[in-house]
N, C-alpha and C. Protein backbone atom coordinates (compact mmCIF):
# COMPACT_ATOMS: atom_id res chain seq x y z
N MET A 1 98.07 189.81 228.60
CA MET A 1 98.87 188.89 227.80
C MET A 1 98.72 187.47 228.33
N ARG A 2 98.71 187.29 229.62
CA ARG A 2 98.58 185.99 230.23
C ARG A 2 97.21 185.38 229.92
N VAL A 3 96.17 186.19 229.88
CA VAL A 3 94.83 185.72 229.56
C VAL A 3 94.77 185.22 228.12
N GLY A 4 95.44 185.92 227.21
CA GLY A 4 95.47 185.51 225.81
C GLY A 4 96.10 184.14 225.63
N ARG A 5 97.21 183.90 226.36
CA ARG A 5 97.87 182.59 226.25
C ARG A 5 97.00 181.50 226.86
N SER A 6 96.33 181.78 227.95
CA SER A 6 95.46 180.79 228.59
C SER A 6 94.29 180.46 227.69
N LEU A 7 93.73 181.49 227.03
CA LEU A 7 92.62 181.26 226.11
C LEU A 7 93.07 180.43 224.92
N SER A 8 94.26 180.73 224.37
CA SER A 8 94.79 179.96 223.24
C SER A 8 95.02 178.51 223.64
N ALA A 9 95.56 178.29 224.82
CA ALA A 9 95.79 176.93 225.30
C ALA A 9 94.48 176.18 225.49
N LEU A 10 93.47 176.90 226.00
CA LEU A 10 92.16 176.28 226.20
C LEU A 10 91.53 175.89 224.86
N ILE A 11 91.64 176.75 223.84
CA ILE A 11 91.10 176.46 222.51
C ILE A 11 91.83 175.26 221.90
N LEU A 12 93.16 175.22 222.03
CA LEU A 12 93.94 174.10 221.52
C LEU A 12 93.54 172.81 222.21
N PHE A 13 93.39 172.85 223.53
CA PHE A 13 92.99 171.67 224.30
C PHE A 13 91.61 171.18 223.85
N ALA A 14 90.66 172.09 223.67
CA ALA A 14 89.31 171.72 223.24
C ALA A 14 89.33 171.09 221.85
N ALA A 15 90.16 171.61 220.96
CA ALA A 15 90.26 171.05 219.61
C ALA A 15 90.82 169.64 219.65
N LEU A 16 91.82 169.41 220.49
CA LEU A 16 92.40 168.08 220.59
C LEU A 16 91.44 167.08 221.20
N VAL A 17 90.69 167.50 222.22
CA VAL A 17 89.75 166.61 222.88
C VAL A 17 88.60 166.23 221.96
N THR A 18 88.11 167.16 221.16
CA THR A 18 86.97 166.88 220.28
C THR A 18 87.38 166.23 218.98
N GLY A 19 88.65 166.11 218.70
CA GLY A 19 89.11 165.46 217.48
C GLY A 19 89.37 166.43 216.36
N CYS A 20 88.81 167.60 216.41
CA CYS A 20 89.05 168.66 215.44
C CYS A 20 88.97 168.18 214.00
N THR A 21 87.91 167.46 213.67
CA THR A 21 87.75 167.01 212.29
C THR A 21 86.74 167.89 211.61
N SER A 22 87.03 168.26 210.38
CA SER A 22 86.13 169.14 209.65
C SER A 22 84.88 168.41 209.20
N GLY A 23 84.95 167.10 209.01
CA GLY A 23 83.81 166.35 208.51
C GLY A 23 83.01 165.68 209.62
N GLY A 24 83.28 165.99 210.86
CA GLY A 24 82.59 165.33 211.96
C GLY A 24 83.34 164.09 212.38
N HIS A 25 82.59 163.08 212.82
CA HIS A 25 83.24 161.86 213.31
C HIS A 25 83.62 160.92 212.16
N GLN A 26 84.57 160.07 212.43
CA GLN A 26 85.04 159.10 211.44
C GLN A 26 84.16 157.86 211.49
N ALA A 27 83.86 157.30 210.35
CA ALA A 27 83.09 156.06 210.28
C ALA A 27 84.01 154.89 210.61
N SER A 28 83.49 153.93 211.34
CA SER A 28 84.25 152.75 211.73
C SER A 28 84.29 151.75 210.57
N THR A 29 85.37 151.00 210.48
CA THR A 29 85.49 149.94 209.48
C THR A 29 85.16 148.58 210.07
N SER A 30 84.75 148.53 211.32
CA SER A 30 84.48 147.23 211.95
C SER A 30 82.99 147.05 212.24
N GLY A 31 82.16 147.32 211.26
CA GLY A 31 80.72 147.18 211.42
C GLY A 31 80.22 145.80 211.08
N PRO A 32 78.90 145.62 211.13
CA PRO A 32 78.30 144.30 210.92
C PRO A 32 78.43 143.73 209.50
N LEU A 33 78.81 144.55 208.50
CA LEU A 33 79.04 144.00 207.16
C LEU A 33 80.44 143.42 207.04
N ASN A 34 81.32 143.69 207.97
CA ASN A 34 82.69 143.20 207.91
C ASN A 34 82.79 141.85 208.60
N GLY A 35 82.59 140.81 207.83
CA GLY A 35 82.68 139.47 208.36
C GLY A 35 84.07 138.91 208.20
N PRO A 36 84.23 137.63 208.45
CA PRO A 36 85.54 136.99 208.40
C PRO A 36 86.19 136.98 207.02
N ASP A 37 85.41 137.16 205.95
CA ASP A 37 85.96 137.11 204.60
C ASP A 37 86.62 138.41 204.15
N HIS A 38 86.51 139.48 204.91
CA HIS A 38 86.97 140.78 204.44
C HIS A 38 88.17 141.32 205.21
N ALA A 39 88.96 140.43 205.81
CA ALA A 39 90.12 140.87 206.57
C ALA A 39 91.22 141.42 205.66
N ASP A 40 91.27 140.96 204.41
CA ASP A 40 92.32 141.41 203.48
C ASP A 40 91.74 142.28 202.37
N ALA A 41 90.96 143.28 202.75
CA ALA A 41 90.30 144.16 201.77
C ALA A 41 91.30 144.78 200.81
N GLY A 42 90.94 144.77 199.54
CA GLY A 42 91.78 145.37 198.51
C GLY A 42 93.00 144.58 198.13
N SER A 43 93.04 143.29 198.43
CA SER A 43 94.26 142.51 198.21
C SER A 43 94.34 141.82 196.84
N GLY A 44 93.30 141.86 196.05
CA GLY A 44 93.31 141.21 194.74
C GLY A 44 92.81 142.15 193.67
N GLU A 45 92.82 141.67 192.42
CA GLU A 45 92.38 142.52 191.32
C GLU A 45 91.77 141.68 190.21
N GLU A 46 90.63 142.13 189.70
CA GLU A 46 89.98 141.53 188.54
C GLU A 46 90.37 142.38 187.33
N CYS A 47 90.51 141.76 186.16
CA CYS A 47 90.84 142.51 184.94
C CYS A 47 89.78 142.23 183.88
N ILE A 48 89.29 143.30 183.26
CA ILE A 48 88.25 143.20 182.23
C ILE A 48 88.66 144.07 181.05
N PRO A 49 88.61 143.56 179.83
CA PRO A 49 88.90 144.40 178.66
C PRO A 49 87.66 145.22 178.27
N GLU A 50 87.84 146.51 178.06
CA GLU A 50 86.73 147.38 177.59
C GLU A 50 87.32 148.70 177.13
N LYS A 51 86.77 149.25 176.07
CA LYS A 51 87.26 150.51 175.51
C LYS A 51 86.71 151.72 176.27
N LYS A 52 87.38 152.84 176.11
CA LYS A 52 86.90 154.09 176.68
C LYS A 52 85.48 154.35 176.18
N GLY A 53 84.60 154.74 177.10
CA GLY A 53 83.20 154.99 176.78
C GLY A 53 82.31 153.79 177.00
N GLY A 54 82.91 152.61 177.16
CA GLY A 54 82.14 151.39 177.39
C GLY A 54 81.75 151.23 178.85
N SER A 55 80.99 150.18 179.11
CA SER A 55 80.53 149.88 180.46
C SER A 55 81.09 148.55 180.93
N VAL A 56 81.18 148.42 182.25
CA VAL A 56 81.66 147.21 182.88
C VAL A 56 80.70 146.84 184.01
N THR A 57 80.44 145.54 184.17
CA THR A 57 79.67 145.04 185.31
C THR A 57 80.66 144.52 186.35
N PHE A 58 80.55 145.04 187.57
CA PHE A 58 81.41 144.61 188.67
C PHE A 58 80.47 144.05 189.74
N GLY A 59 80.28 142.74 189.74
CA GLY A 59 79.27 142.14 190.61
C GLY A 59 79.71 140.88 191.32
N GLY A 60 80.88 140.91 191.92
CA GLY A 60 81.39 139.73 192.61
C GLY A 60 81.40 139.84 194.12
N ASP A 61 80.66 140.81 194.67
CA ASP A 61 80.70 141.01 196.13
C ASP A 61 79.35 140.73 196.78
N GLU A 62 79.42 140.12 197.94
CA GLU A 62 78.25 139.84 198.75
C GLU A 62 78.27 140.76 199.97
N LEU A 63 77.15 141.39 200.24
CA LEU A 63 77.01 142.18 201.47
C LEU A 63 76.21 141.35 202.46
N HIS A 64 76.90 140.87 203.48
CA HIS A 64 76.29 139.98 204.48
C HIS A 64 76.22 140.73 205.80
N ASN A 65 75.01 140.89 206.33
CA ASN A 65 74.83 141.58 207.61
C ASN A 65 74.99 140.57 208.74
N TYR A 66 76.16 140.57 209.38
CA TYR A 66 76.45 139.67 210.48
C TYR A 66 75.91 140.18 211.80
N GLY A 67 75.35 141.38 211.81
CA GLY A 67 74.86 141.99 213.04
C GLY A 67 73.49 141.50 213.45
N SER A 68 72.94 142.18 214.47
CA SER A 68 71.61 141.81 214.98
C SER A 68 70.56 142.86 214.66
N LYS A 69 70.97 143.95 213.98
CA LYS A 69 70.05 145.03 213.61
C LYS A 69 70.17 145.29 212.11
N PRO A 70 69.12 145.87 211.51
CA PRO A 70 69.20 146.20 210.08
C PRO A 70 70.29 147.23 209.76
N VAL A 71 70.89 147.08 208.60
CA VAL A 71 71.90 147.98 208.07
C VAL A 71 71.24 148.82 206.98
N VAL A 72 71.50 150.13 206.95
CA VAL A 72 70.99 150.98 205.89
C VAL A 72 72.18 151.53 205.11
N ILE A 73 72.20 151.28 203.80
CA ILE A 73 73.28 151.76 202.95
C ILE A 73 73.05 153.23 202.63
N ASP A 74 74.05 154.07 202.90
CA ASP A 74 73.95 155.50 202.62
C ASP A 74 74.45 155.83 201.22
N LYS A 75 75.60 155.26 200.85
CA LYS A 75 76.13 155.49 199.50
C LYS A 75 77.19 154.46 199.19
N VAL A 76 77.47 154.31 197.90
CA VAL A 76 78.52 153.42 197.41
C VAL A 76 79.47 154.29 196.61
N THR A 77 80.77 154.15 196.87
CA THR A 77 81.78 154.92 196.15
C THR A 77 82.91 153.99 195.69
N LEU A 78 83.71 154.49 194.76
CA LEU A 78 84.87 153.75 194.29
C LEU A 78 86.09 154.21 195.07
N SER A 79 86.98 153.28 195.40
CA SER A 79 88.20 153.59 196.13
C SER A 79 89.37 153.75 195.16
N LYS A 80 90.00 154.90 195.22
CA LYS A 80 91.19 155.20 194.40
C LYS A 80 90.95 154.89 192.92
N ALA A 81 89.86 155.41 192.39
CA ALA A 81 89.51 155.15 190.99
C ALA A 81 90.21 156.11 190.05
N SER A 82 90.63 155.58 188.91
CA SER A 82 91.23 156.38 187.85
C SER A 82 90.64 155.91 186.53
N GLY A 83 89.95 156.81 185.81
CA GLY A 83 89.37 156.46 184.53
C GLY A 83 88.10 155.66 184.61
N LEU A 84 87.46 155.64 185.78
CA LEU A 84 86.19 154.93 185.98
C LEU A 84 85.19 155.84 186.67
N ARG A 85 83.92 155.70 186.30
CA ARG A 85 82.85 156.45 186.96
C ARG A 85 81.75 155.48 187.35
N LEU A 86 81.29 155.59 188.58
CA LEU A 86 80.18 154.77 189.04
C LEU A 86 78.88 155.34 188.49
N VAL A 87 78.18 154.54 187.69
CA VAL A 87 76.90 154.96 187.11
C VAL A 87 75.76 154.54 188.02
N GLU A 88 75.82 153.32 188.51
CA GLU A 88 74.72 152.78 189.31
C GLU A 88 75.25 151.65 190.18
N ALA A 89 74.69 151.52 191.39
CA ALA A 89 74.98 150.41 192.29
C ALA A 89 73.66 149.81 192.72
N VAL A 90 73.50 148.50 192.54
CA VAL A 90 72.25 147.83 192.89
C VAL A 90 72.53 146.61 193.77
N ILE A 91 71.49 146.21 194.50
CA ILE A 91 71.53 144.99 195.30
C ILE A 91 70.64 143.96 194.60
N VAL A 92 71.20 142.78 194.36
CA VAL A 92 70.46 141.69 193.72
C VAL A 92 70.42 140.51 194.68
N SER A 93 69.24 140.04 195.01
CA SER A 93 69.12 138.85 195.85
C SER A 93 69.43 137.62 195.01
N THR A 94 70.22 136.73 195.59
CA THR A 94 70.57 135.51 194.88
C THR A 94 70.71 134.34 195.84
N SER A 95 70.29 133.17 195.37
CA SER A 95 70.40 131.97 196.19
C SER A 95 71.36 130.95 195.57
N THR A 96 71.98 131.31 194.45
CA THR A 96 72.86 130.34 193.78
C THR A 96 74.28 130.88 193.63
N SER A 97 74.47 131.85 192.77
CA SER A 97 75.80 132.40 192.55
C SER A 97 75.68 133.91 192.41
N LEU A 98 76.82 134.59 192.34
CA LEU A 98 76.83 136.03 192.18
C LEU A 98 76.81 136.38 190.69
N VAL A 99 76.39 137.59 190.36
CA VAL A 99 76.33 138.04 188.96
C VAL A 99 77.71 138.01 188.32
N GLY A 100 78.73 138.46 189.04
CA GLY A 100 80.10 138.39 188.55
C GLY A 100 80.56 139.61 187.78
N TYR A 101 81.61 139.43 186.96
CA TYR A 101 82.29 140.52 186.26
C TYR A 101 82.17 140.31 184.76
N SER A 102 81.91 141.39 184.03
CA SER A 102 81.85 141.27 182.57
C SER A 102 81.90 142.64 181.92
N THR A 103 82.11 142.64 180.61
CA THR A 103 82.00 143.88 179.86
C THR A 103 80.51 144.15 179.68
N GLY A 104 80.17 145.42 179.50
CA GLY A 104 78.79 145.81 179.27
C GLY A 104 77.95 145.86 180.53
N PHE A 105 76.83 146.54 180.42
CA PHE A 105 75.82 146.60 181.47
C PHE A 105 74.50 146.87 180.79
N PRO A 106 73.42 146.19 181.14
CA PRO A 106 73.34 145.20 182.22
C PRO A 106 74.18 143.97 181.91
N PRO A 107 74.38 143.14 182.94
CA PRO A 107 75.17 141.93 182.72
C PRO A 107 74.56 141.07 181.60
N VAL A 108 75.39 140.23 181.03
CA VAL A 108 74.91 139.35 179.96
C VAL A 108 73.76 138.49 180.49
N PRO A 109 72.82 138.12 179.62
CA PRO A 109 71.66 137.32 180.06
C PRO A 109 72.06 136.05 180.81
N GLU A 110 73.14 135.40 180.40
CA GLU A 110 73.57 134.18 181.08
C GLU A 110 73.88 134.44 182.55
N ALA A 111 74.34 135.64 182.88
CA ALA A 111 74.67 135.97 184.27
C ALA A 111 73.44 136.40 185.06
N ARG A 112 72.62 137.26 184.47
CA ARG A 112 71.49 137.81 185.24
C ARG A 112 70.25 136.91 185.24
N ASN A 113 70.18 135.93 184.33
CA ASN A 113 69.01 135.07 184.26
C ASN A 113 69.25 133.67 184.81
N GLN A 114 70.34 133.47 185.53
CA GLN A 114 70.60 132.16 186.14
C GLN A 114 69.52 131.86 187.17
N PRO A 115 69.17 130.58 187.34
CA PRO A 115 68.22 130.24 188.41
C PRO A 115 68.76 130.73 189.75
N GLY A 116 67.91 131.36 190.53
CA GLY A 116 68.31 131.85 191.85
C GLY A 116 68.73 133.30 191.87
N ILE A 117 69.05 133.89 190.72
CA ILE A 117 69.42 135.32 190.68
C ILE A 117 68.16 136.11 190.34
N ASP A 118 67.77 136.99 191.26
CA ASP A 118 66.53 137.74 191.12
C ASP A 118 66.80 139.13 190.53
N TRP A 119 67.31 139.17 189.31
CA TRP A 119 67.69 140.42 188.65
C TRP A 119 66.50 141.37 188.49
N ASP A 120 65.32 140.82 188.19
CA ASP A 120 64.15 141.66 187.94
C ASP A 120 63.71 142.46 189.17
N HIS A 121 64.11 142.03 190.36
CA HIS A 121 63.73 142.73 191.60
C HIS A 121 64.93 143.41 192.26
N ARG A 122 65.94 143.73 191.47
CA ARG A 122 67.10 144.45 192.02
C ARG A 122 66.64 145.79 192.56
N ARG A 123 67.41 146.34 193.51
CA ARG A 123 67.05 147.64 194.09
C ARG A 123 68.29 148.50 194.22
N LYS A 124 68.10 149.79 194.16
CA LYS A 124 69.22 150.70 194.30
C LYS A 124 69.92 150.44 195.63
N ALA A 125 71.24 150.44 195.63
CA ALA A 125 71.99 150.18 196.85
C ALA A 125 71.80 151.32 197.85
N ALA A 126 71.94 152.56 197.39
CA ALA A 126 71.78 153.70 198.30
C ALA A 126 70.35 153.73 198.81
N GLY A 127 70.19 153.67 200.11
CA GLY A 127 68.87 153.66 200.73
C GLY A 127 68.36 152.26 201.05
N ALA A 128 69.02 151.23 200.53
CA ALA A 128 68.58 149.85 200.78
C ALA A 128 68.83 149.46 202.23
N THR A 129 67.91 148.68 202.77
CA THR A 129 68.04 148.13 204.11
C THR A 129 68.36 146.65 203.99
N LEU A 130 69.41 146.22 204.70
CA LEU A 130 69.80 144.81 204.70
C LEU A 130 69.53 144.24 206.09
N SER A 131 68.65 143.27 206.16
CA SER A 131 68.30 142.64 207.43
C SER A 131 69.44 141.75 207.91
N PRO A 132 69.49 141.50 209.23
CA PRO A 132 70.50 140.56 209.74
C PRO A 132 70.33 139.18 209.09
N GLN A 133 71.46 138.49 208.89
CA GLN A 133 71.44 137.19 208.23
C GLN A 133 72.23 136.18 209.05
N PRO A 134 71.78 134.93 209.07
CA PRO A 134 72.61 133.89 209.72
C PRO A 134 73.85 133.62 208.87
N ASP A 135 74.86 133.02 209.47
CA ASP A 135 76.09 132.71 208.73
C ASP A 135 75.82 131.84 207.51
N ASP A 136 74.84 130.96 207.59
CA ASP A 136 74.52 130.05 206.49
C ASP A 136 73.27 130.48 205.72
N ALA A 137 73.13 131.78 205.50
CA ALA A 137 71.96 132.32 204.80
C ALA A 137 71.78 131.67 203.43
N LYS A 138 70.55 131.36 203.08
CA LYS A 138 70.24 130.73 201.79
C LYS A 138 70.17 131.75 200.66
N VAL A 139 69.81 132.99 200.99
CA VAL A 139 69.74 134.08 200.01
C VAL A 139 70.71 135.16 200.45
N VAL A 140 71.53 135.66 199.52
CA VAL A 140 72.52 136.68 199.84
C VAL A 140 72.27 137.95 199.04
N ASN A 141 72.88 139.03 199.48
CA ASN A 141 72.78 140.34 198.83
C ASN A 141 74.01 140.54 197.95
N ASN A 142 73.83 140.46 196.64
CA ASN A 142 74.91 140.65 195.68
C ASN A 142 74.98 142.14 195.30
N LEU A 143 76.10 142.78 195.59
CA LEU A 143 76.31 144.18 195.19
C LEU A 143 76.81 144.18 193.75
N VAL A 144 76.07 144.84 192.86
CA VAL A 144 76.42 144.87 191.44
C VAL A 144 76.57 146.33 191.01
N LEU A 145 77.73 146.65 190.43
CA LEU A 145 78.00 148.02 189.99
C LEU A 145 78.01 148.13 188.47
N HIS A 146 77.46 149.22 187.98
CA HIS A 146 77.57 149.60 186.57
C HIS A 146 78.64 150.69 186.53
N LEU A 147 79.77 150.39 185.90
CA LEU A 147 80.89 151.33 185.80
C LEU A 147 81.07 151.78 184.36
N ARG A 148 81.34 153.06 184.17
CA ARG A 148 81.64 153.61 182.84
C ARG A 148 83.14 153.85 182.76
N VAL A 149 83.75 153.40 181.67
CA VAL A 149 85.18 153.61 181.43
C VAL A 149 85.34 155.01 180.84
N THR A 150 86.01 155.90 181.58
CA THR A 150 86.19 157.29 181.14
C THR A 150 87.64 157.58 180.73
N GLY A 151 88.54 156.66 181.02
CA GLY A 151 89.95 156.86 180.69
C GLY A 151 90.39 155.98 179.55
N ALA A 152 91.54 156.34 178.96
CA ALA A 152 92.07 155.58 177.83
C ALA A 152 93.22 154.66 178.25
N SER A 153 93.84 154.92 179.39
CA SER A 153 94.91 154.05 179.88
C SER A 153 95.01 154.19 181.40
N GLY A 154 95.60 153.20 182.04
CA GLY A 154 95.74 153.23 183.49
C GLY A 154 94.40 153.21 184.20
N VAL A 155 93.39 152.58 183.61
CA VAL A 155 92.05 152.55 184.18
C VAL A 155 92.00 151.49 185.27
N ARG A 156 91.66 151.94 186.50
CA ARG A 156 91.63 150.99 187.61
C ARG A 156 90.95 151.59 188.82
N MET A 157 90.69 150.73 189.80
CA MET A 157 90.22 151.16 191.11
C MET A 157 90.74 150.16 192.13
N ALA A 158 90.96 150.64 193.35
CA ALA A 158 91.43 149.76 194.41
C ALA A 158 90.31 148.89 194.94
N GLY A 159 89.08 149.37 194.80
CA GLY A 159 87.94 148.60 195.29
C GLY A 159 86.70 149.44 195.42
N VAL A 160 85.78 148.93 196.22
CA VAL A 160 84.47 149.56 196.43
C VAL A 160 84.30 149.85 197.91
N LEU A 161 83.75 151.02 198.21
CA LEU A 161 83.43 151.40 199.59
C LEU A 161 81.92 151.51 199.72
N VAL A 162 81.36 150.86 200.73
CA VAL A 162 79.95 150.98 201.04
C VAL A 162 79.84 151.71 202.37
N HIS A 163 79.26 152.90 202.33
CA HIS A 163 79.05 153.72 203.52
C HIS A 163 77.65 153.39 204.03
N TYR A 164 77.54 153.01 205.30
CA TYR A 164 76.24 152.60 205.82
C TYR A 164 76.13 152.95 207.30
N HIS A 165 74.92 152.80 207.82
CA HIS A 165 74.72 153.06 209.25
C HIS A 165 73.79 152.03 209.86
N VAL A 166 73.97 151.87 211.15
CA VAL A 166 73.11 151.05 211.99
C VAL A 166 72.73 151.94 213.16
N GLY A 167 71.46 152.31 213.25
CA GLY A 167 71.07 153.27 214.28
C GLY A 167 71.82 154.58 214.05
N GLY A 168 72.51 155.06 215.08
CA GLY A 168 73.26 156.32 214.98
C GLY A 168 74.75 156.12 214.70
N SER A 169 75.17 154.90 214.41
CA SER A 169 76.59 154.62 214.16
C SER A 169 76.87 154.46 212.68
N ASP A 170 77.93 155.12 212.19
CA ASP A 170 78.33 155.07 210.79
C ASP A 170 79.48 154.09 210.59
N TYR A 171 79.44 153.38 209.46
CA TYR A 171 80.46 152.39 209.14
C TYR A 171 80.83 152.47 207.66
N VAL A 172 81.99 151.89 207.31
CA VAL A 172 82.41 151.77 205.92
C VAL A 172 82.87 150.33 205.70
N TRP A 173 82.36 149.71 204.65
CA TRP A 173 82.78 148.37 204.24
C TRP A 173 83.63 148.50 202.99
N HIS A 174 84.69 147.71 202.89
CA HIS A 174 85.57 147.71 201.71
C HIS A 174 85.65 146.28 201.19
N ASN A 175 85.45 146.13 199.88
CA ASN A 175 85.53 144.79 199.29
C ASN A 175 86.97 144.31 199.19
N VAL A 176 87.15 143.08 198.71
CA VAL A 176 88.48 142.47 198.62
C VAL A 176 89.14 142.77 197.27
N LEU A 177 88.39 142.71 196.17
CA LEU A 177 89.00 142.85 194.84
C LEU A 177 88.94 144.27 194.29
N GLY A 178 90.03 144.67 193.64
CA GLY A 178 90.06 145.89 192.86
C GLY A 178 89.75 145.54 191.41
N LEU A 179 89.92 146.51 190.52
CA LEU A 179 89.62 146.30 189.11
C LEU A 179 90.64 147.02 188.25
N ALA A 180 91.10 146.35 187.21
CA ALA A 180 91.90 146.97 186.16
C ALA A 180 91.13 146.76 184.86
N VAL A 181 91.10 147.81 184.02
CA VAL A 181 90.41 147.70 182.74
C VAL A 181 91.44 147.85 181.64
N GLU A 182 91.54 146.84 180.78
CA GLU A 182 92.45 146.87 179.64
C GLU A 182 91.73 147.55 178.48
N THR A 183 92.17 148.77 178.13
CA THR A 183 91.48 149.55 177.10
C THR A 183 92.10 149.41 175.72
N LYS A 184 93.27 148.82 175.62
CA LYS A 184 93.99 148.76 174.34
C LYS A 184 93.92 147.40 173.66
N LYS A 185 93.68 146.32 174.43
CA LYS A 185 93.64 144.97 173.87
C LYS A 185 92.29 144.33 174.15
N LYS A 186 92.02 143.21 173.47
CA LYS A 186 90.75 142.51 173.67
C LYS A 186 90.78 141.54 174.84
N SER A 187 91.93 141.39 175.47
CA SER A 187 92.03 140.52 176.63
C SER A 187 93.04 141.11 177.61
N CYS A 188 93.01 140.61 178.82
CA CYS A 188 93.92 141.11 179.87
C CYS A 188 95.21 140.32 179.90
């Protein structure tokens, strides 16, 4: 009986020491994509009118690698999404402005064809490598999402999560703005 209790205590101790997580280790939120602009992640919200079944462009975020090593994006997910589905996430190099937010996808020609926005050479976010950048980089990485509206009311998300790694370390970046989609009216 005494051996059984000692074995149980040893198993409990081992579980506590190793963290006992079913998914392995937790990704850090303080990686090289988290610069000074992202301290208040999820604190604002953009609103776009679009009907159920329509598409939305969500392209107001810059992924800036403040580190000294390349970042590899593993996946992009939506945070606390209701009535939205991520169809595609791309990286667009830009030297002027970001693609921004709009109904429909691809973005309207006025947004994607601005001087400095390299829409024609966009690349899938998952698997993309982002090189280190100086604070005053002339070209930035614009994260642009194609979202499908699947709900009829209460359509929203808290934000975007970018899961990435540098070497053997995993990180998660969270943007600042969430999204609400007005499905019943033509304006927010």
